[in-house]
Amino acid sequence: MANDKKNSAYKVIALNRKARHNYIIEEEIEAGVVLSGSEVKSLRAGESNITDSYAEVKDGEVFLINAYIKEYEQANRFNHSARRVRKLLLHRKQINKMMAAVQRKGMTLVTLKLYFNDKNRAKVLLGLARGKKLHDKRASDKERDWNRQKERLLKDG
């Protein structure tokens, strides 16, 4: 049961709540992140933001761009820059699949979640996404409101 996603004990560091509103997520991919020691300490303190971040494939490697991890104050001269480009660790098959989807289908790699898994490794949940149009956003809002209303009616009745 250690591999069961629902029962695993992972600590969420940062969520990108806007991603599911602005994009249709076709597939989710978990990737490791190459971090320095001061970045890990800062993440353990919960000092990060991935709202405007995304992933990009360059030269057969995947990089996390524009993710904010606050500088760790006790690290002084060994500190990192807050918005540096970080390499993501993925299998070659996954990278090729993402490259093809981004180039051919016009999809983007959006960061959905940054967390520590049950083995205390920093992971990023990437979404292979297609942008929503305004009418799609309206339809999903309408559906969400209807589901809430339905729940209220069932609870009261």
Protein backbone atom coordinates (compact mmCIF):
# COMPACT_ATOMS: atom_id res chain seq x y z
CA MET A 1 0.00 0.00 0.00
CA ALA A 2 3.02 2.31 0.00
CA ASN A 3 2.42 3.12 -3.67
CA ASP A 4 -1.25 4.00 -3.19
CA LYS A 5 -1.58 7.73 -3.89
CA LYS A 6 -4.50 8.26 -1.48
CA ASN A 7 -2.81 6.66 1.53
CA SER A 8 0.68 8.06 0.94
CA ALA A 9 1.97 10.56 3.46
CA TYR A 10 3.20 13.48 1.37
CA LYS A 11 3.42 17.11 2.43
CA VAL A 12 2.10 19.68 -0.04
CA ILE A 13 4.32 22.76 -0.23
CA ALA A 14 2.57 24.81 -2.91
CA LEU A 15 -0.52 24.46 -5.10
CA ASN A 16 -1.39 26.15 -8.37
CA ARG A 17 -5.14 26.60 -7.99
CA LYS A 18 -5.50 28.76 -11.10
CA ALA A 19 -4.15 26.00 -13.35
CA ARG A 20 -7.31 23.87 -13.32
CA HIS A 21 -9.41 26.97 -14.00
CA ASN A 22 -7.31 28.23 -16.91
CA TYR A 23 -6.37 24.89 -18.50
CA ILE A 24 -7.86 21.53 -19.43
CA ILE A 25 -5.44 19.03 -17.87
CA GLU A 26 -5.04 16.06 -20.22
CA GLU A 27 -2.39 14.15 -18.27
CA GLU A 28 -0.50 14.49 -14.97
CA ILE A 29 3.18 13.61 -14.66
CA GLU A 30 5.26 13.44 -11.48
CA ALA A 31 8.84 14.74 -11.78
CA GLY A 32 11.74 15.07 -9.39
CA VAL A 33 13.41 18.45 -8.93
CA VAL A 34 17.16 19.17 -8.74
CA LEU A 35 17.55 21.51 -5.76
CA SER A 36 20.37 22.99 -3.71
CA GLY A 37 20.49 22.58 0.07
CA SER A 38 19.25 26.08 0.83
CA GLU A 39 16.27 25.54 -1.49
CA VAL A 40 15.26 22.38 0.37
CA LYS A 41 15.45 24.19 3.72
CA SER A 42 13.31 27.00 2.36
CA LEU A 43 10.75 24.52 0.98
CA ARG A 44 10.54 22.76 4.35
CA ALA A 45 9.65 26.14 5.84
CA GLY A 46 6.90 26.44 3.19
CA GLU A 47 8.37 29.48 1.45
CA SER A 48 7.45 28.97 -2.20
CA ASN A 49 4.99 29.91 -4.94
CA ILE A 50 4.33 28.13 -8.25
CA THR A 51 1.36 30.15 -9.50
CA ASP A 52 3.12 31.59 -12.57
CA SER A 53 5.52 28.71 -13.18
CA TYR A 54 5.63 26.26 -16.08
CA ALA A 55 7.96 23.62 -17.52
CA GLU A 56 9.83 23.77 -20.79
CA VAL A 57 11.64 21.13 -22.84
CA LYS A 58 15.09 22.23 -24.08
CA ASP A 59 17.72 19.99 -25.68
CA GLY A 60 16.08 16.78 -24.47
CA GLU A 61 15.80 17.98 -20.86
CA VAL A 62 12.89 19.49 -18.92
CA PHE A 63 13.27 22.66 -16.84
CA LEU A 64 11.02 24.33 -14.28
CA ILE A 65 10.79 28.03 -15.07
CA ASN A 66 9.62 30.95 -12.92
CA ALA A 67 9.02 28.94 -9.73
CA TYR A 68 9.64 31.10 -6.66
CA ILE A 69 11.53 29.55 -3.74
CA LYS A 70 12.42 32.17 -1.14
CA GLU A 71 16.08 32.58 -0.23
CA TYR A 72 17.00 30.81 3.01
CA GLU A 73 18.27 33.46 5.42
CA GLN A 74 20.76 31.31 7.33
CA ALA A 75 22.50 30.19 4.11
CA ASN A 76 24.24 33.60 3.62
CA ARG A 77 26.83 33.21 0.80
CA PHE A 78 25.69 29.68 -0.17
CA ASN A 79 22.21 30.94 -1.00
CA HIS A 80 20.32 30.45 -4.26
CA SER A 81 18.51 32.97 -6.46
CA ALA A 82 14.76 32.88 -5.83
CA ARG A 83 13.55 32.37 -9.43
CA ARG A 84 16.37 30.34 -10.96
CA VAL A 85 15.68 27.72 -13.64
CA ARG A 86 15.58 24.23 -12.06
CA LYS A 87 16.11 20.94 -13.87
CA LEU A 88 13.38 18.30 -13.62
CA LEU A 89 14.12 14.58 -13.46
CA LEU A 90 12.07 12.43 -15.83
CA HIS A 91 12.45 9.24 -17.86
CA ARG A 92 13.44 9.60 -21.51
CA LYS A 93 10.08 8.18 -22.69
CA GLN A 94 8.20 10.80 -20.66
CA ILE A 95 10.35 13.63 -22.02
CA ASN A 96 9.84 12.48 -25.62
CA LYS A 97 6.09 12.20 -25.09
CA MET A 98 5.93 15.72 -23.63
CA MET A 99 8.11 17.15 -26.41
CA ALA A 100 5.80 15.67 -29.04
CA ALA A 101 2.67 16.98 -27.31
CA VAL A 102 4.06 20.49 -26.90
CA GLN A 103 5.39 20.73 -30.48
CA ARG A 104 2.60 19.03 -32.42
CA LYS A 105 -0.54 19.62 -30.40
CA GLY A 106 0.30 23.07 -29.00
CA MET A 107 -0.01 22.01 -25.38
CA THR A 108 1.80 23.50 -22.37
CA LEU A 109 3.40 21.99 -19.28
CA VAL A 110 1.83 23.63 -16.23
CA THR A 111 2.95 23.03 -12.66
CA LEU A 112 0.03 21.86 -10.53
CA LYS A 113 1.63 21.00 -7.21
CA LEU A 114 4.99 21.08 -5.41
CA TYR A 115 5.35 18.58 -2.57
CA PHE A 116 7.55 16.18 -0.60
CA ASN A 117 6.65 12.54 -1.25
CA ASP A 118 6.60 9.76 1.36
CA LYS A 119 10.39 9.32 0.95
CA ASN A 120 10.93 13.06 1.62
CA ARG A 121 11.96 13.84 -1.95
CA ALA A 122 10.84 17.12 -3.53
CA LYS A 123 8.49 16.42 -6.44
CA VAL A 124 6.53 18.52 -8.92
CA LEU A 125 3.23 17.44 -10.42
CA LEU A 126 3.14 18.65 -14.02
CA GLY A 127 0.03 18.84 -16.12
CA LEU A 128 0.05 18.41 -19.87
CA ALA A 129 -2.56 21.05 -20.55
CA ARG A 130 -4.53 22.81 -23.24
CA GLY A 131 -5.75 26.37 -22.60
CA LYS A 132 -9.45 26.92 -21.92
CA LYS A 133 -11.43 29.44 -23.87
CA LEU A 134 -13.78 31.86 -22.07
CA HIS A 135 -16.87 29.76 -22.83
CA ASP A 136 -15.14 26.66 -21.43
CA LYS A 137 -14.42 28.53 -18.19
CA ARG A 138 -18.05 29.63 -17.98
CA ALA A 139 -19.30 26.09 -18.56
CA SER A 140 -17.02 24.63 -15.85
CA ASP A 141 -18.13 27.37 -13.40
CA LYS A 142 -21.77 26.61 -14.18
CA GLU A 143 -21.22 22.89 -13.68
CA ARG A 144 -19.41 23.46 -10.36
CA ASP A 145 -22.25 25.70 -9.11
CA TRP A 146 -24.84 23.11 -10.15
CA ASN A 147 -22.94 20.34 -8.30
CA ARG A 148 -22.83 22.50 -5.15
CA GLN A 149 -26.56 23.17 -5.42
CA LYS A 150 -27.25 19.47 -5.93
CA GLU A 151 -25.26 18.60 -2.80
CA ARG A 152 -27.22 21.15 -0.76
CA LEU A 153 -30.54 19.76 -2.00
CA LEU A 154 -29.53 16.18 -1.18
CA LYS A 155 -28.24 17.22 2.26
CA ASP A 156 -31.44 19.13 3.15
CA GLY A 157 -33.82 16.50 1.77
